[in-house]
Amino acid sequence: MPFARAGRPGLLGTVARTAALTGTPSRDAPPPVSTPRGGNELADQLSRLAELRSSGLLTDAEFAAAKARLLM
């Protein structure tokens, strides 16, 4: 006998719905970039972008675009 849910989403459905409601970016979306306030913050943001690129979450083109926005 197969297990059937009666109108309630599973864990993935709940997580996806929560992400959509809170505006959490998807895996394919580039990370949000805020205006840097100081040198340390800029370095931290660049490090975070580099981590995202090395983990495969950002392509080289996405990394270059986000880095250019930071350095403007």
N, C-alpha and C. Protein backbone atom coordinates (compact mmCIF):
# COMPACT_ATOMS: atom_id res chain seq x y z
N MET A 1 0.85 -1.18 0.00
CA MET A 1 0.00 0.00 0.00
C MET A 1 0.89 1.24 0.00
N PRO A 2 0.79 2.08 -1.00
CA PRO A 2 1.64 3.28 -1.05
C PRO A 2 1.24 4.31 0.00
N PHE A 3 2.20 5.04 0.42
CA PHE A 3 1.97 6.10 1.41
C PHE A 3 1.51 7.35 0.69
N ALA A 4 0.40 7.92 1.11
CA ALA A 4 -0.13 9.11 0.45
C ALA A 4 -0.30 10.23 1.47
N ARG A 5 0.09 11.41 1.08
CA ARG A 5 -0.10 12.58 1.94
C ARG A 5 -1.44 13.22 1.60
N ALA A 6 -2.12 13.65 2.61
CA ALA A 6 -3.43 14.26 2.39
C ALA A 6 -3.31 15.78 2.45
N GLY A 7 -2.84 16.40 1.36
CA GLY A 7 -2.83 17.85 1.27
C GLY A 7 -1.69 18.56 1.97
N ARG A 8 -0.79 17.86 2.59
CA ARG A 8 0.34 18.53 3.25
C ARG A 8 1.60 18.30 2.44
N PRO A 9 2.37 19.36 2.20
CA PRO A 9 3.60 19.16 1.44
C PRO A 9 4.66 18.47 2.28
N GLY A 10 5.55 17.78 1.62
CA GLY A 10 6.67 17.16 2.31
C GLY A 10 7.69 18.21 2.70
N LEU A 11 8.80 17.76 3.24
CA LEU A 11 9.84 18.68 3.71
C LEU A 11 10.35 19.57 2.58
N LEU A 12 10.61 18.99 1.40
CA LEU A 12 11.13 19.80 0.29
C LEU A 12 10.10 20.83 -0.17
N GLY A 13 8.83 20.44 -0.20
CA GLY A 13 7.79 21.39 -0.58
C GLY A 13 7.68 22.53 0.40
N THR A 14 7.83 22.22 1.67
CA THR A 14 7.77 23.25 2.71
C THR A 14 8.96 24.19 2.61
N VAL A 15 10.15 23.63 2.39
CA VAL A 15 11.36 24.44 2.26
C VAL A 15 11.27 25.34 1.03
N ALA A 16 10.80 24.78 -0.09
CA ALA A 16 10.69 25.57 -1.31
C ALA A 16 9.68 26.70 -1.13
N ARG A 17 8.57 26.41 -0.47
CA ARG A 17 7.55 27.43 -0.24
C ARG A 17 8.09 28.53 0.66
N THR A 18 8.79 28.12 1.71
CA THR A 18 9.38 29.10 2.64
C THR A 18 10.39 29.97 1.91
N ALA A 19 11.22 29.37 1.08
CA ALA A 19 12.22 30.13 0.33
C ALA A 19 11.56 31.13 -0.61
N ALA A 20 10.47 30.70 -1.25
CA ALA A 20 9.77 31.60 -2.17
C ALA A 20 9.13 32.76 -1.42
N LEU A 21 8.58 32.49 -0.25
CA LEU A 21 7.91 33.54 0.51
C LEU A 21 8.88 34.53 1.12
N THR A 22 10.05 34.07 1.52
CA THR A 22 11.01 34.95 2.18
C THR A 22 11.96 35.61 1.20
N GLY A 23 11.89 35.22 -0.07
CA GLY A 23 12.76 35.85 -1.06
C GLY A 23 14.16 35.30 -1.06
N THR A 24 14.35 34.09 -0.55
CA THR A 24 15.66 33.47 -0.56
C THR A 24 16.07 33.20 -2.00
N PRO A 25 17.26 33.62 -2.42
CA PRO A 25 17.66 33.42 -3.80
C PRO A 25 17.85 31.94 -4.11
N SER A 26 17.57 31.57 -5.33
CA SER A 26 17.78 30.19 -5.75
C SER A 26 19.27 29.95 -5.98
N ARG A 27 19.62 28.71 -6.22
CA ARG A 27 21.01 28.34 -6.43
C ARG A 27 21.57 29.04 -7.67
N ASP A 28 20.72 29.28 -8.67
CA ASP A 28 21.18 29.88 -9.93
C ASP A 28 21.28 31.40 -9.87
N ALA A 29 20.70 32.01 -8.85
CA ALA A 29 20.72 33.48 -8.76
C ALA A 29 22.06 33.95 -8.21
N PRO A 30 22.61 35.03 -8.75
CA PRO A 30 23.85 35.56 -8.19
C PRO A 30 23.59 36.11 -6.80
N PRO A 31 24.60 36.10 -5.95
CA PRO A 31 24.39 36.58 -4.58
C PRO A 31 24.12 38.08 -4.56
N PRO A 32 23.33 38.52 -3.59
CA PRO A 32 23.10 39.96 -3.47
C PRO A 32 24.39 40.66 -3.06
N VAL A 33 24.61 41.81 -3.62
CA VAL A 33 25.82 42.56 -3.33
C VAL A 33 25.41 43.91 -2.77
N SER A 34 25.88 44.20 -1.57
CA SER A 34 25.57 45.49 -0.97
C SER A 34 26.76 46.43 -1.15
N THR A 35 26.52 47.71 -0.95
CA THR A 35 27.57 48.70 -1.08
C THR A 35 28.53 48.58 0.09
N PRO A 36 29.82 48.42 -0.17
CA PRO A 36 30.79 48.27 0.92
C PRO A 36 30.95 49.56 1.71
N ARG A 37 31.14 49.41 3.02
CA ARG A 37 31.31 50.58 3.89
C ARG A 37 32.76 50.79 4.30
N GLY A 38 33.51 49.72 4.32
CA GLY A 38 34.89 49.85 4.74
C GLY A 38 35.76 48.83 4.04
N GLY A 39 37.06 48.94 4.21
CA GLY A 39 38.00 48.04 3.56
C GLY A 39 37.82 46.60 3.97
N ASN A 40 37.59 46.36 5.27
CA ASN A 40 37.42 44.99 5.74
C ASN A 40 36.16 44.36 5.18
N GLU A 41 35.09 45.15 5.10
CA GLU A 41 33.84 44.63 4.56
C GLU A 41 34.01 44.27 3.09
N LEU A 42 34.71 45.09 2.34
CA LEU A 42 34.96 44.80 0.93
C LEU A 42 35.75 43.51 0.79
N ALA A 43 36.78 43.36 1.60
CA ALA A 43 37.60 42.15 1.55
C ALA A 43 36.76 40.92 1.91
N ASP A 44 35.88 41.06 2.89
CA ASP A 44 35.01 39.95 3.29
C ASP A 44 34.07 39.57 2.15
N GLN A 45 33.51 40.57 1.49
CA GLN A 45 32.59 40.30 0.39
C GLN A 45 33.31 39.64 -0.79
N LEU A 46 34.51 40.10 -1.08
CA LEU A 46 35.29 39.48 -2.16
C LEU A 46 35.65 38.04 -1.81
N SER A 47 35.98 37.80 -0.56
CA SER A 47 36.28 36.44 -0.11
C SER A 47 35.06 35.54 -0.24
N ARG A 48 33.92 36.06 0.13
CA ARG A 48 32.68 35.29 0.03
C ARG A 48 32.37 34.96 -1.43
N LEU A 49 32.57 35.93 -2.32
CA LEU A 49 32.35 35.67 -3.75
C LEU A 49 33.31 34.58 -4.25
N ALA A 50 34.56 34.66 -3.81
CA ALA A 50 35.54 33.65 -4.22
C ALA A 50 35.15 32.26 -3.72
N GLU A 51 34.62 32.19 -2.51
CA GLU A 51 34.16 30.91 -1.96
C GLU A 51 33.00 30.36 -2.79
N LEU A 52 32.07 31.23 -3.16
CA LEU A 52 30.93 30.80 -3.96
C LEU A 52 31.38 30.29 -5.33
N ARG A 53 32.38 30.96 -5.91
CA ARG A 53 32.90 30.52 -7.21
C ARG A 53 33.61 29.19 -7.09
N SER A 54 34.44 29.05 -6.06
CA SER A 54 35.20 27.81 -5.92
C SER A 54 34.30 26.62 -5.56
N SER A 55 33.16 26.89 -4.92
CA SER A 55 32.24 25.80 -4.59
C SER A 55 31.32 25.46 -5.76
N GLY A 56 31.39 26.23 -6.84
CA GLY A 56 30.60 25.94 -8.01
C GLY A 56 29.23 26.61 -8.04
N LEU A 57 28.94 27.45 -7.06
CA LEU A 57 27.65 28.13 -7.02
C LEU A 57 27.61 29.35 -7.93
N LEU A 58 28.80 29.87 -8.30
CA LEU A 58 28.89 30.98 -9.24
C LEU A 58 29.77 30.57 -10.41
N THR A 59 29.37 30.97 -11.59
CA THR A 59 30.24 30.75 -12.75
C THR A 59 31.30 31.85 -12.75
N ASP A 60 32.30 31.70 -13.60
CA ASP A 60 33.33 32.72 -13.70
C ASP A 60 32.74 34.05 -14.14
N ALA A 61 31.75 34.00 -15.05
CA ALA A 61 31.12 35.24 -15.53
C ALA A 61 30.32 35.92 -14.41
N GLU A 62 29.59 35.12 -13.63
CA GLU A 62 28.82 35.69 -12.51
C GLU A 62 29.75 36.29 -11.46
N PHE A 63 30.86 35.60 -11.21
CA PHE A 63 31.85 36.10 -10.25
C PHE A 63 32.42 37.43 -10.73
N ALA A 64 32.80 37.50 -12.00
CA ALA A 64 33.40 38.72 -12.55
C ALA A 64 32.40 39.88 -12.47
N ALA A 65 31.12 39.62 -12.77
CA ALA A 65 30.11 40.67 -12.72
C ALA A 65 29.89 41.17 -11.30
N ALA A 66 29.79 40.24 -10.35
CA ALA A 66 29.58 40.63 -8.95
C ALA A 66 30.80 41.38 -8.41
N LYS A 67 31.99 40.93 -8.79
CA LYS A 67 33.21 41.60 -8.35
C LYS A 67 33.29 43.02 -8.91
N ALA A 68 32.91 43.18 -10.17
CA ALA A 68 32.92 44.50 -10.80
C ALA A 68 31.95 45.44 -10.07
N ARG A 69 30.77 44.94 -9.68
CA ARG A 69 29.81 45.76 -8.95
C ARG A 69 30.38 46.17 -7.60
N LEU A 70 31.10 45.28 -6.96
CA LEU A 70 31.71 45.61 -5.65
C LEU A 70 32.77 46.68 -5.77
N LEU A 71 33.54 46.62 -6.83
CA LEU A 71 34.69 47.51 -6.97
C LEU A 71 34.34 48.86 -7.61
N MET A 72 33.08 49.08 -7.95
CA MET A 72 32.68 50.36 -8.55
C MET A 72 32.76 51.47 -7.52
